[in-house]
Amino acid sequence: MIVDDRVKIRCPSCGHVIRENASRVRDGFQVNCNNCNKLITLSKETEDPFLRRALKAAKEVRAAKEDELMARVYGRVASTPTRETP
């Protein structure tokens, strides 16, 4: 399963969409809009639904990546081949 690890953040002032790495997007994360150069601060208490949606999407992507990692690590069969007895 391939998971896109980037999240779309929509600027509240100009509407420009910024794509940011999901591992960086957390509560309190700040990014500058490339279009209007406004500082965007992501917070759970914000009134803007697009910023809350970006936080939620980032959390879901991080959880999916962690599940994928755990499945790869713990879901494997023993890495050494079985020994054949003559």
N, C-alpha and C. Protein backbone atom coordinates (compact mmCIF):
# COMPACT_ATOMS: atom_id res chain seq x y z
N MET A 1 0.83 -1.18 0.00
CA MET A 1 0.00 0.00 0.00
C MET A 1 0.88 1.24 0.00
N ILE A 2 0.65 2.13 -0.93
CA ILE A 2 1.43 3.36 -1.03
C ILE A 2 0.57 4.50 -0.49
N VAL A 3 1.14 5.23 0.45
CA VAL A 3 0.42 6.34 1.07
C VAL A 3 1.12 7.63 0.69
N ASP A 4 0.37 8.60 0.16
CA ASP A 4 0.93 9.91 -0.13
C ASP A 4 1.16 10.61 1.20
N ASP A 5 2.38 11.04 1.45
CA ASP A 5 2.71 11.60 2.75
C ASP A 5 2.68 13.12 2.76
N ARG A 6 1.96 13.72 1.84
CA ARG A 6 1.83 15.18 1.81
C ARG A 6 0.37 15.56 2.04
N VAL A 7 0.20 16.70 2.72
CA VAL A 7 -1.13 17.18 3.10
C VAL A 7 -1.35 18.55 2.47
N LYS A 8 -2.57 18.78 2.01
CA LYS A 8 -2.91 20.08 1.42
C LYS A 8 -3.36 21.03 2.52
N ILE A 9 -2.76 22.23 2.54
CA ILE A 9 -3.14 23.29 3.48
C ILE A 9 -3.61 24.46 2.65
N ARG A 10 -4.83 24.92 2.89
CA ARG A 10 -5.39 26.04 2.12
C ARG A 10 -5.23 27.33 2.90
N CYS A 11 -4.64 28.33 2.27
CA CYS A 11 -4.42 29.63 2.90
C CYS A 11 -5.77 30.31 3.15
N PRO A 12 -6.03 30.76 4.37
CA PRO A 12 -7.32 31.39 4.67
C PRO A 12 -7.51 32.75 4.00
N SER A 13 -6.43 33.44 3.66
CA SER A 13 -6.60 34.78 3.10
C SER A 13 -6.70 34.78 1.58
N CYS A 14 -5.88 33.97 0.88
CA CYS A 14 -5.91 34.02 -0.58
C CYS A 14 -6.46 32.75 -1.22
N GLY A 15 -6.55 31.65 -0.47
CA GLY A 15 -7.10 30.41 -1.01
C GLY A 15 -6.08 29.54 -1.72
N HIS A 16 -4.83 29.95 -1.75
CA HIS A 16 -3.77 29.17 -2.38
C HIS A 16 -3.54 27.88 -1.59
N VAL A 17 -3.32 26.77 -2.30
CA VAL A 17 -3.12 25.47 -1.64
C VAL A 17 -1.64 25.17 -1.54
N ILE A 18 -1.20 24.85 -0.35
CA ILE A 18 0.19 24.51 -0.07
C ILE A 18 0.23 23.03 0.28
N ARG A 19 1.20 22.31 -0.27
CA ARG A 19 1.37 20.89 0.07
C ARG A 19 2.57 20.78 0.99
N GLU A 20 2.35 20.16 2.14
CA GLU A 20 3.40 20.05 3.15
C GLU A 20 3.49 18.61 3.62
N ASN A 21 4.66 18.21 4.05
CA ASN A 21 4.92 16.86 4.53
C ASN A 21 4.08 16.59 5.78
N ALA A 22 3.37 15.47 5.82
CA ALA A 22 2.45 15.16 6.92
C ALA A 22 3.18 14.96 8.24
N SER A 23 4.42 14.54 8.20
CA SER A 23 5.15 14.33 9.45
C SER A 23 5.46 15.66 10.14
N ARG A 24 5.46 16.75 9.41
CA ARG A 24 5.73 18.07 10.00
C ARG A 24 4.46 18.78 10.47
N VAL A 25 3.32 18.45 9.87
CA VAL A 25 2.07 19.16 10.16
C VAL A 25 1.47 18.65 11.47
N ARG A 26 1.56 19.49 12.48
CA ARG A 26 1.02 19.18 13.81
C ARG A 26 0.42 20.46 14.39
N ASP A 27 -0.19 20.34 15.55
CA ASP A 27 -0.75 21.50 16.22
C ASP A 27 0.38 22.48 16.55
N GLY A 28 0.23 23.73 16.13
CA GLY A 28 1.25 24.74 16.37
C GLY A 28 2.22 24.92 15.21
N PHE A 29 2.09 24.12 14.16
CA PHE A 29 2.97 24.22 13.00
C PHE A 29 2.68 25.52 12.26
N GLN A 30 3.75 26.18 11.78
CA GLN A 30 3.60 27.43 11.05
C GLN A 30 4.26 27.30 9.69
N VAL A 31 3.60 27.86 8.67
CA VAL A 31 4.12 27.83 7.31
C VAL A 31 3.73 29.15 6.63
N ASN A 32 4.60 29.64 5.75
CA ASN A 32 4.29 30.84 4.98
C ASN A 32 3.59 30.46 3.69
N CYS A 33 2.57 31.23 3.33
CA CYS A 33 1.89 31.04 2.05
C CYS A 33 2.82 31.54 0.95
N ASN A 34 3.01 30.74 -0.09
CA ASN A 34 3.89 31.13 -1.19
C ASN A 34 3.28 32.25 -2.03
N ASN A 35 1.98 32.39 -2.00
CA ASN A 35 1.29 33.37 -2.84
C ASN A 35 1.21 34.75 -2.18
N CYS A 36 0.70 34.81 -0.96
CA CYS A 36 0.50 36.11 -0.30
C CYS A 36 1.50 36.37 0.83
N ASN A 37 2.38 35.42 1.12
CA ASN A 37 3.43 35.52 2.12
C ASN A 37 2.89 35.72 3.54
N LYS A 38 1.68 35.26 3.79
CA LYS A 38 1.10 35.33 5.12
C LYS A 38 1.53 34.11 5.93
N LEU A 39 1.79 34.30 7.22
CA LEU A 39 2.15 33.20 8.10
C LEU A 39 0.88 32.48 8.54
N ILE A 40 0.82 31.18 8.27
CA ILE A 40 -0.35 30.36 8.62
C ILE A 40 0.05 29.50 9.81
N THR A 41 -0.71 29.61 10.90
CA THR A 41 -0.47 28.79 12.08
C THR A 41 -1.60 27.80 12.21
N LEU A 42 -1.25 26.52 12.26
CA LEU A 42 -2.25 25.46 12.38
C LEU A 42 -2.53 25.19 13.85
N SER A 43 -3.80 25.20 14.20
CA SER A 43 -4.21 24.96 15.58
C SER A 43 -5.53 24.20 15.57
N LYS A 44 -5.72 23.37 16.59
CA LYS A 44 -6.98 22.63 16.70
C LYS A 44 -8.15 23.54 17.01
N GLU A 45 -7.89 24.69 17.62
CA GLU A 45 -8.96 25.60 18.03
C GLU A 45 -9.32 26.62 16.97
N THR A 46 -8.75 26.55 15.79
CA THR A 46 -9.02 27.52 14.74
C THR A 46 -10.46 27.40 14.23
N GLU A 47 -10.96 28.49 13.73
CA GLU A 47 -12.32 28.51 13.18
C GLU A 47 -12.35 28.03 11.73
N ASP A 48 -11.21 28.06 11.05
CA ASP A 48 -11.15 27.68 9.64
C ASP A 48 -11.24 26.16 9.48
N PRO A 49 -12.27 25.66 8.81
CA PRO A 49 -12.41 24.20 8.67
C PRO A 49 -11.33 23.58 7.79
N PHE A 50 -10.74 24.35 6.87
CA PHE A 50 -9.70 23.81 6.00
C PHE A 50 -8.42 23.52 6.79
N LEU A 51 -8.10 24.37 7.75
CA LEU A 51 -6.92 24.14 8.58
C LEU A 51 -7.13 22.96 9.52
N ARG A 52 -8.34 22.83 10.07
CA ARG A 52 -8.64 21.67 10.93
C ARG A 52 -8.59 20.38 10.11
N ARG A 53 -9.09 20.44 8.88
CA ARG A 53 -9.07 19.28 8.01
C ARG A 53 -7.64 18.88 7.67
N ALA A 54 -6.74 19.85 7.48
CA ALA A 54 -5.34 19.55 7.21
C ALA A 54 -4.69 18.84 8.40
N LEU A 55 -5.00 19.30 9.61
CA LEU A 55 -4.47 18.64 10.81
C LEU A 55 -4.98 17.21 10.93
N LYS A 56 -6.27 17.02 10.65
CA LYS A 56 -6.86 15.69 10.74
C LYS A 56 -6.28 14.76 9.67
N ALA A 57 -6.11 15.26 8.46
CA ALA A 57 -5.54 14.45 7.37
C ALA A 57 -4.09 14.07 7.69
N ALA A 58 -3.33 14.99 8.26
CA ALA A 58 -1.94 14.70 8.62
C ALA A 58 -1.88 13.62 9.69
N LYS A 59 -2.79 13.69 10.65
CA LYS A 59 -2.83 12.67 11.71
C LYS A 59 -3.16 11.30 11.12
N GLU A 60 -4.11 11.25 10.18
CA GLU A 60 -4.49 9.99 9.55
C GLU A 60 -3.35 9.43 8.70
N VAL A 61 -2.62 10.29 8.00
CA VAL A 61 -1.50 9.83 7.18
C VAL A 61 -0.39 9.27 8.07
N ARG A 62 -0.10 9.96 9.17
CA ARG A 62 0.93 9.46 10.09
C ARG A 62 0.53 8.10 10.68
N ALA A 63 -0.74 7.94 11.02
CA ALA A 63 -1.22 6.66 11.57
C ALA A 63 -1.12 5.56 10.51
N ALA A 64 -1.47 5.86 9.27
CA ALA A 64 -1.39 4.87 8.20
C ALA A 64 0.06 4.47 7.94
N LYS A 65 0.97 5.43 7.95
CA LYS A 65 2.39 5.12 7.75
C LYS A 65 2.92 4.27 8.89
N GLU A 66 2.49 4.55 10.12
CA GLU A 66 2.93 3.75 11.26
C GLU A 66 2.38 2.33 11.17
N ASP A 67 1.11 2.19 10.77
CA ASP A 67 0.53 0.86 10.60
C ASP A 67 1.27 0.07 9.52
N GLU A 68 1.61 0.74 8.43
CA GLU A 68 2.34 0.09 7.35
C GLU A 68 3.72 -0.37 7.83
N LEU A 69 4.38 0.46 8.61
CA LEU A 69 5.68 0.11 9.15
C LEU A 69 5.58 -1.09 10.10
N MET A 70 4.58 -1.08 10.98
CA MET A 70 4.40 -2.19 11.91
C MET A 70 4.07 -3.49 11.17
N ALA A 71 3.29 -3.40 10.11
CA ALA A 71 2.95 -4.59 9.34
C ALA A 71 4.20 -5.15 8.66
N ARG A 72 5.07 -4.26 8.17
CA ARG A 72 6.30 -4.74 7.54
C ARG A 72 7.25 -5.36 8.56
N VAL A 73 7.33 -4.76 9.74
CA VAL A 73 8.28 -5.25 10.74
C VAL A 73 7.79 -6.53 11.40
N TYR A 74 6.53 -6.54 11.86
CA TYR A 74 6.03 -7.66 12.64
C TYR A 74 5.25 -8.68 11.81
N GLY A 75 4.95 -8.38 10.58
CA GLY A 75 4.15 -9.28 9.76
C GLY A 75 4.98 -10.27 8.97
N ARG A 76 6.27 -10.16 9.04
CA ARG A 76 7.13 -11.04 8.26
C ARG A 76 7.23 -12.42 8.89
N VAL A 77 7.50 -13.37 8.04
CA VAL A 77 7.85 -14.71 8.51
C VAL A 77 9.34 -14.63 8.84
N ALA A 78 9.84 -15.58 9.56
CA ALA A 78 11.25 -15.56 9.94
C ALA A 78 12.12 -15.29 8.71
N SER A 79 13.12 -14.45 8.88
CA SER A 79 13.93 -14.04 7.75
C SER A 79 14.94 -15.09 7.32
N THR A 80 15.27 -16.03 8.19
CA THR A 80 16.20 -17.09 7.82
C THR A 80 15.44 -18.25 7.19
N PRO A 81 16.01 -18.86 6.16
CA PRO A 81 15.31 -19.98 5.51
C PRO A 81 15.27 -21.19 6.47
N THR A 82 14.28 -22.00 6.28
CA THR A 82 14.15 -23.19 7.13
C THR A 82 15.25 -24.19 6.74
N ARG A 83 15.75 -24.88 7.73
CA ARG A 83 16.83 -25.83 7.52
C ARG A 83 16.27 -27.18 7.11
N GLU A 84 16.82 -27.71 6.08
CA GLU A 84 16.40 -29.04 5.62
C GLU A 84 17.30 -30.09 6.23
N THR A 85 16.71 -31.12 6.79
CA THR A 85 17.51 -32.21 7.36
C THR A 85 17.66 -33.32 6.34
N PRO A 86 18.89 -33.84 6.18
CA PRO A 86 19.10 -34.89 5.18
C PRO A 86 18.53 -36.22 5.57
